Amino acid sequence: MEKVTEGARMGTDGGNLQDRDCVGAFAPGQQDAYAGSGYISTAQTGYVRPNANEIGLLFQTFQAVVGFQNADGPQAYFEKEVEEWQRCANRTLTFTPNGNTVQIVVGPMTDTGDRMITQTQTLENAQGWTCVRALAPRNNIAIDTFACSANDAAAQVVSVTNEIAKKIAAA
């Protein structure tokens, strides 16, 4: 895996999303989604594994951890996002980065049963390329992740989220 981005700032990709009420469901660590939540810090990292397929990537993951003053913060954010993800389920979102419009079909929200939610996103004309979002509150941290793959993105995003959760529990 090649690290392609790392930082301590919230993302702003949501600004390119036409459906502004779905920014939190759309991508992890978005400034517009966390505005007013009381977060105090963030760390974000993105990875890709290059491949020669038409999309150009075999696997992409983006992970954000968002810190709050106490455990109430990420839990409240999680509850707000459960409602948003449910509202955004089974909709087509319009994303226009750099003037290129992409249609994203958002699937139903899934509650994994361990204080984690996931949601599938299928990009128009992506030849089987699927992305899955995950969000999980742990202690005073919101774990906010995204994985895309032509294979099993759902298992990958849950695995990434669980690995981060283990590190938080051990800290």
Protein backbone atom coordinates (compact mmCIF):
# COMPACT_ATOMS: atom_id res chain seq x y z
CA MET A 1 0.00 0.00 0.00
CA GLU A 2 1.21 3.46 -0.82
CA LYS A 3 0.38 6.32 1.53
CA VAL A 4 -0.97 9.14 -0.61
CA THR A 5 -2.24 11.59 1.97
CA GLU A 6 -1.78 12.30 5.64
CA GLY A 7 -2.74 15.24 7.77
CA ALA A 8 -4.41 16.79 10.75
CA ARG A 9 -7.08 18.75 8.89
CA MET A 10 -10.65 17.88 8.06
CA GLY A 11 -11.49 17.08 4.46
CA THR A 12 -13.39 19.47 2.21
CA ASP A 13 -14.50 17.09 -0.58
CA GLY A 14 -18.07 17.50 0.67
CA GLY A 15 -18.01 20.95 -0.91
CA ASN A 16 -18.18 19.19 -4.29
CA LEU A 17 -21.27 17.20 -3.32
CA GLN A 18 -24.57 18.50 -4.66
CA ASP A 19 -26.57 16.71 -1.94
CA ARG A 20 -25.21 18.73 1.01
CA ASP A 21 -27.41 16.87 3.51
CA CYS A 22 -25.38 13.70 2.82
CA VAL A 23 -21.82 14.97 3.37
CA GLY A 24 -21.30 12.82 6.49
CA ALA A 25 -22.48 9.69 4.68
CA PHE A 26 -20.43 10.55 1.60
CA ALA A 27 -16.86 10.62 2.92
CA PRO A 28 -14.92 10.34 6.18
CA GLY A 29 -13.52 13.24 8.16
CA GLN A 30 -15.43 15.98 6.37
CA GLN A 31 -15.30 19.47 7.85
CA ASP A 32 -18.93 20.19 6.98
CA ALA A 33 -20.10 16.97 8.65
CA TYR A 34 -18.23 17.57 11.90
CA ALA A 35 -19.00 21.31 12.13
CA GLY A 36 -20.63 22.04 15.47
CA SER A 37 -19.92 18.55 16.85
CA GLY A 38 -17.35 19.72 19.37
CA TYR A 39 -14.44 17.78 17.88
CA ILE A 40 -11.03 18.95 19.05
CA SER A 41 -8.58 17.12 16.77
CA THR A 42 -8.28 14.83 13.78
CA ALA A 43 -5.70 12.67 12.03
CA GLN A 44 -6.34 11.37 8.52
CA THR A 45 -4.48 8.99 6.22
CA GLY A 46 -5.22 7.66 2.74
CA TYR A 47 -3.69 4.64 0.99
CA VAL A 48 -3.81 3.11 -2.49
CA ARG A 49 -2.45 -0.02 -4.10
CA PRO A 50 -1.78 0.80 -7.77
CA ASN A 51 -3.06 -1.55 -10.44
CA ALA A 52 -3.25 -1.48 -14.21
CA ASN A 53 -7.06 -1.72 -14.40
CA GLU A 54 -9.14 1.00 -16.03
CA ILE A 55 -9.90 2.74 -12.74
CA GLY A 56 -6.21 2.76 -11.93
CA LEU A 57 -6.47 1.42 -8.38
CA LEU A 58 -6.87 -2.04 -6.92
CA PHE A 59 -7.72 -0.80 -3.44
CA GLN A 60 -8.16 2.55 -1.74
CA THR A 61 -8.71 3.27 1.91
CA PHE A 62 -9.07 6.49 3.79
CA GLN A 63 -9.15 6.56 7.55
CA ALA A 64 -9.86 9.42 9.91
CA VAL A 65 -9.84 9.45 13.67
CA VAL A 66 -11.61 12.41 15.20
CA GLY A 67 -10.99 13.29 18.82
CA PHE A 68 -13.48 14.76 21.25
CA GLN A 69 -13.14 16.02 24.83
CA ASN A 70 -14.92 12.93 26.23
CA ALA A 71 -16.85 9.82 25.14
CA ASP A 72 -20.14 11.71 24.84
CA GLY A 73 -18.89 13.59 21.74
CA PRO A 74 -18.31 10.70 19.34
CA GLN A 75 -21.43 8.93 20.59
CA ALA A 76 -23.59 12.01 19.86
CA TYR A 77 -21.94 12.39 16.44
CA PHE A 78 -22.56 8.69 15.73
CA GLU A 79 -26.26 9.00 16.60
CA LYS A 80 -26.60 12.05 14.32
CA GLU A 81 -24.86 10.22 11.50
CA VAL A 82 -27.06 7.11 11.87
CA GLU A 83 -30.03 9.35 11.05
CA GLU A 84 -28.20 11.02 8.14
CA TRP A 85 -26.98 7.74 6.65
CA GLN A 86 -30.53 6.36 6.82
CA ARG A 87 -31.88 9.49 5.06
CA CYS A 88 -29.21 9.21 2.36
CA ALA A 89 -29.68 5.48 1.79
CA ASN A 90 -30.96 4.31 -1.58
CA ARG A 91 -30.25 7.67 -3.21
CA THR A 92 -28.01 8.76 -6.06
CA LEU A 93 -25.58 11.51 -5.05
CA THR A 94 -23.93 13.88 -7.49
CA PHE A 95 -20.25 14.59 -6.85
CA THR A 96 -18.38 17.07 -9.06
CA PRO A 97 -14.64 17.19 -8.32
CA ASN A 98 -12.56 19.28 -10.73
CA GLY A 99 -15.54 19.78 -13.05
CA ASN A 100 -16.08 16.03 -13.60
CA THR A 101 -19.52 14.82 -12.49
CA VAL A 102 -19.79 11.39 -10.90
CA GLN A 103 -23.02 9.71 -9.86
CA ILE A 104 -22.77 7.67 -6.65
CA VAL A 105 -25.52 5.19 -5.76
CA VAL A 106 -25.72 4.91 -1.97
CA GLY A 107 -26.97 1.62 -0.57
CA PRO A 108 -28.79 0.92 2.68
CA MET A 109 -27.09 1.58 6.01
CA THR A 110 -26.06 -1.55 7.92
CA ASP A 111 -25.67 -1.71 11.69
CA THR A 112 -22.93 -4.29 12.35
CA GLY A 113 -24.14 -4.74 15.93
CA ASP A 114 -20.93 -3.52 17.56
CA ARG A 115 -21.56 0.23 17.56
CA MET A 116 -20.46 0.42 13.93
CA ILE A 117 -22.44 1.36 10.83
CA THR A 118 -21.49 0.73 7.21
CA GLN A 119 -22.91 1.89 3.89
CA THR A 120 -22.09 0.87 0.33
CA GLN A 121 -21.46 3.37 -2.47
CA THR A 122 -21.34 2.28 -6.11
CA LEU A 123 -19.82 4.68 -8.61
CA GLU A 124 -21.44 5.05 -12.01
CA ASN A 125 -19.54 3.15 -14.75
CA ALA A 126 -17.00 1.86 -12.22
CA GLN A 127 -16.80 -1.72 -13.58
CA GLY A 128 -17.48 -3.38 -10.25
CA TRP A 129 -15.61 -0.82 -8.17
CA THR A 130 -17.46 -0.45 -4.88
CA CYS A 131 -16.78 1.76 -1.88
CA VAL A 132 -18.00 1.23 1.67
CA ARG A 133 -18.11 3.74 4.51
CA ALA A 134 -17.85 2.84 8.20
CA LEU A 135 -18.26 4.87 11.37
CA ALA A 136 -17.69 3.71 14.94
CA PRO A 137 -17.43 5.65 18.22
CA ARG A 138 -14.77 4.35 20.62
CA ASN A 139 -13.91 6.10 23.88
CA ASN A 140 -13.46 9.79 22.94
CA ILE A 141 -12.72 9.00 19.26
CA ALA A 142 -14.91 8.71 16.17
CA ILE A 143 -13.35 6.20 13.74
CA ASP A 144 -14.45 7.33 10.29
CA THR A 145 -13.29 5.15 7.38
CA PHE A 146 -13.78 4.42 3.69
CA ALA A 147 -12.57 1.53 1.53
CA CYS A 148 -12.94 0.97 -2.20
CA SER A 149 -12.20 -2.21 -4.08
CA ALA A 150 -13.29 -4.39 -6.96
CA ASN A 151 -13.37 -7.21 -4.39
CA ASP A 152 -14.85 -7.17 -0.87
CA ALA A 153 -14.74 -3.53 0.22
CA ALA A 154 -17.22 -4.19 3.05
CA ALA A 155 -14.94 -6.70 4.77
CA GLN A 156 -11.96 -4.44 4.18
CA VAL A 157 -13.55 -1.34 5.75
CA VAL A 158 -14.77 -3.31 8.77
CA SER A 159 -11.29 -4.80 9.20
CA VAL A 160 -9.60 -1.38 9.02
CA THR A 161 -12.10 0.10 11.47
CA ASN A 162 -11.68 -2.80 13.91
CA GLU A 163 -7.88 -2.53 13.77
CA ILE A 164 -8.06 1.15 14.66
CA ALA A 165 -10.54 0.35 17.45
CA LYS A 166 -8.09 -2.18 18.93
CA LYS A 167 -5.40 0.50 19.10
CA ILE A 168 -7.78 2.91 20.82
CA ALA A 169 -8.81 0.26 23.38
CA ALA A 170 -5.14 -0.52 24.11
CA ALA A 171 -4.17 3.13 24.61
